[in-house]
Amino acid sequence: MQRSRKVVWLVISSVLLIFPMNVSPQSQEPPRTVVPGFYDVLDRNALAMRRGEAIFYQRCSLCHLPRIRKPATTPGPAPSLTGILKDADRSKEEAVRDHIMTGSDKMPGWQYSLKPAQMDDLIAYLKTL
């Protein structure tokens, strides 16, 4: 019985090696656009927003999201960040970035634990709130 399984396995694998399967061109994913690199910025921005969202939920959500209680929600100890960078200019973005990095008497500064790339991702996510 064991020997017959080995023979069957050997026959099947040799047939697959002799007659490789060809993939038809129709089954391949079409290119997203004919202009190379057109969506690169959008794709990188989406990845940055997802990484920034993870940073937000890991480091900021404890204070900046409302608390869920049985009857209703109560506000968190810190203000909501919804709309803080919506359509903000560069100076407003820099002010928020500096406040996050240096902190205040009620908020810790993150200059020693957030790398510049992580800070860029966090800012990209805050723009979506």
Protein backbone atom coordinates (compact mmCIF):
# COMPACT_ATOMS: atom_id res chain seq x y z
CA MET A 1 0.00 0.00 0.00
CA GLN A 2 2.81 2.40 0.95
CA ARG A 3 4.71 1.61 -2.23
CA SER A 4 1.66 2.25 -4.44
CA ARG A 5 1.21 5.72 -2.90
CA LYS A 6 4.82 6.55 -3.66
CA VAL A 7 4.41 5.40 -7.25
CA VAL A 8 1.23 7.44 -7.70
CA TRP A 9 2.91 10.52 -6.19
CA LEU A 10 5.91 10.05 -8.48
CA VAL A 11 3.71 9.76 -11.57
CA ILE A 12 1.65 12.85 -10.70
CA SER A 13 4.70 14.99 -9.95
CA SER A 14 6.49 13.91 -13.14
CA VAL A 15 3.40 14.71 -15.24
CA LEU A 16 3.23 18.17 -13.69
CA LEU A 17 6.89 18.75 -14.43
CA ILE A 18 6.60 17.57 -18.03
CA PHE A 19 3.43 19.52 -18.82
CA PRO A 20 3.64 22.81 -16.94
CA MET A 21 0.46 24.73 -16.59
CA ASN A 22 0.25 27.84 -18.69
CA VAL A 23 -1.57 30.86 -17.36
CA SER A 24 -3.67 32.61 -19.92
CA PRO A 25 -3.11 36.38 -20.26
CA GLN A 26 -6.76 37.04 -19.43
CA SER A 27 -6.37 35.67 -15.92
CA GLN A 28 -3.56 38.04 -15.02
CA GLU A 29 -4.41 41.27 -13.25
CA PRO A 30 -4.54 44.17 -15.70
CA PRO A 31 -2.29 47.14 -15.03
CA ARG A 32 -3.91 49.83 -12.91
CA THR A 33 -3.12 52.54 -15.42
CA VAL A 34 -1.15 53.02 -18.59
CA VAL A 35 0.83 55.85 -17.00
CA PRO A 36 3.62 54.25 -14.93
CA GLY A 37 3.75 55.46 -11.34
CA PHE A 38 0.42 57.31 -11.47
CA TYR A 39 -0.94 55.64 -8.32
CA ASP A 40 2.36 55.37 -6.44
CA VAL A 41 1.72 58.44 -4.28
CA LEU A 42 -1.83 57.37 -3.49
CA ASP A 43 -0.71 53.86 -2.52
CA ARG A 44 2.10 55.16 -0.32
CA ASN A 45 -0.29 57.61 1.32
CA ALA A 46 -2.78 54.82 2.08
CA LEU A 47 -0.02 52.76 3.67
CA ALA A 48 1.13 55.75 5.71
CA MET A 49 -2.43 56.35 6.93
CA ARG A 50 -2.76 52.72 8.03
CA ARG A 51 0.55 52.86 9.90
CA GLY A 52 -0.47 56.20 11.42
CA GLU A 53 -3.78 54.74 12.53
CA ALA A 54 -1.94 51.93 14.30
CA ILE A 55 0.30 54.46 16.05
CA PHE A 56 -2.76 56.52 17.03
CA TYR A 57 -4.57 53.55 18.56
CA GLN A 58 -1.41 52.39 20.31
CA ARG A 59 -0.25 55.70 21.77
CA CYS A 60 -3.01 58.32 21.58
CA SER A 61 -6.35 56.57 21.85
CA LEU A 62 -6.16 56.07 25.60
CA CYS A 63 -6.69 59.78 26.15
CA HIS A 64 -8.09 61.07 22.85
CA LEU A 65 -10.97 58.62 22.31
CA PRO A 66 -14.16 58.57 24.40
CA ARG A 67 -14.61 55.99 27.14
CA ILE A 68 -17.32 53.43 26.60
CA ARG A 69 -19.55 52.82 29.61
CA LYS A 70 -22.70 50.77 29.93
CA PRO A 71 -25.30 53.54 29.59
CA ALA A 72 -23.37 55.92 27.28
CA THR A 73 -19.94 57.21 26.39
CA THR A 74 -18.03 59.66 28.48
CA PRO A 75 -15.40 61.95 27.02
CA GLY A 76 -11.77 61.04 27.41
CA PRO A 77 -9.42 63.13 29.50
CA ALA A 78 -8.01 64.80 26.40
CA PRO A 79 -9.87 66.59 23.59
CA SER A 80 -11.03 64.72 20.53
CA LEU A 81 -8.69 65.10 17.56
CA THR A 82 -11.45 64.89 14.98
CA GLY A 83 -10.98 67.62 12.40
CA ILE A 84 -7.81 69.01 13.97
CA LEU A 85 -5.86 68.76 10.71
CA LYS A 86 -8.74 68.69 8.24
CA ASP A 87 -7.73 71.02 5.38
CA ALA A 88 -4.95 72.47 7.56
CA ASP A 89 -2.12 74.49 6.11
CA ARG A 90 1.56 73.70 6.64
CA SER A 91 1.93 75.99 9.68
CA LYS A 92 -0.97 74.32 11.52
CA GLU A 93 0.51 70.89 10.72
CA GLU A 94 3.90 71.97 12.07
CA ALA A 95 2.29 73.34 15.26
CA VAL A 96 0.49 70.03 15.87
CA ARG A 97 3.68 68.10 15.11
CA ASP A 98 5.66 70.20 17.59
CA HIS A 99 2.99 69.80 20.27
CA ILE A 100 3.01 66.02 19.85
CA MET A 101 6.79 65.88 20.01
CA THR A 102 7.33 68.19 22.99
CA GLY A 103 4.09 67.57 24.86
CA SER A 104 2.67 69.76 27.61
CA ASP A 105 1.92 69.58 31.31
CA LYS A 106 -1.10 67.33 30.55
CA MET A 107 0.36 65.34 27.65
CA PRO A 108 3.62 63.41 27.36
CA GLY A 109 6.06 64.34 24.64
CA TRP A 110 6.89 61.66 22.11
CA GLN A 111 10.22 63.00 20.78
CA TYR A 112 12.18 60.11 22.25
CA SER A 113 9.88 57.31 21.15
CA LEU A 114 8.48 58.35 17.76
CA LYS A 115 10.80 58.29 14.78
CA PRO A 116 10.34 60.98 12.10
CA ALA A 117 8.77 58.48 9.69
CA GLN A 118 6.29 57.38 12.38
CA MET A 119 5.45 61.01 13.05
CA ASP A 120 4.77 61.56 9.34
CA ASP A 121 2.45 58.53 9.35
CA LEU A 122 0.62 59.80 12.42
CA ILE A 123 0.13 63.23 10.83
CA ALA A 124 -1.17 61.54 7.65
CA TYR A 125 -3.75 59.69 9.78
CA LEU A 126 -4.74 62.80 11.76
CA LYS A 127 -5.53 64.52 8.46
CA THR A 128 -8.20 61.89 7.82
CA LEU A 129 -10.04 62.42 11.10
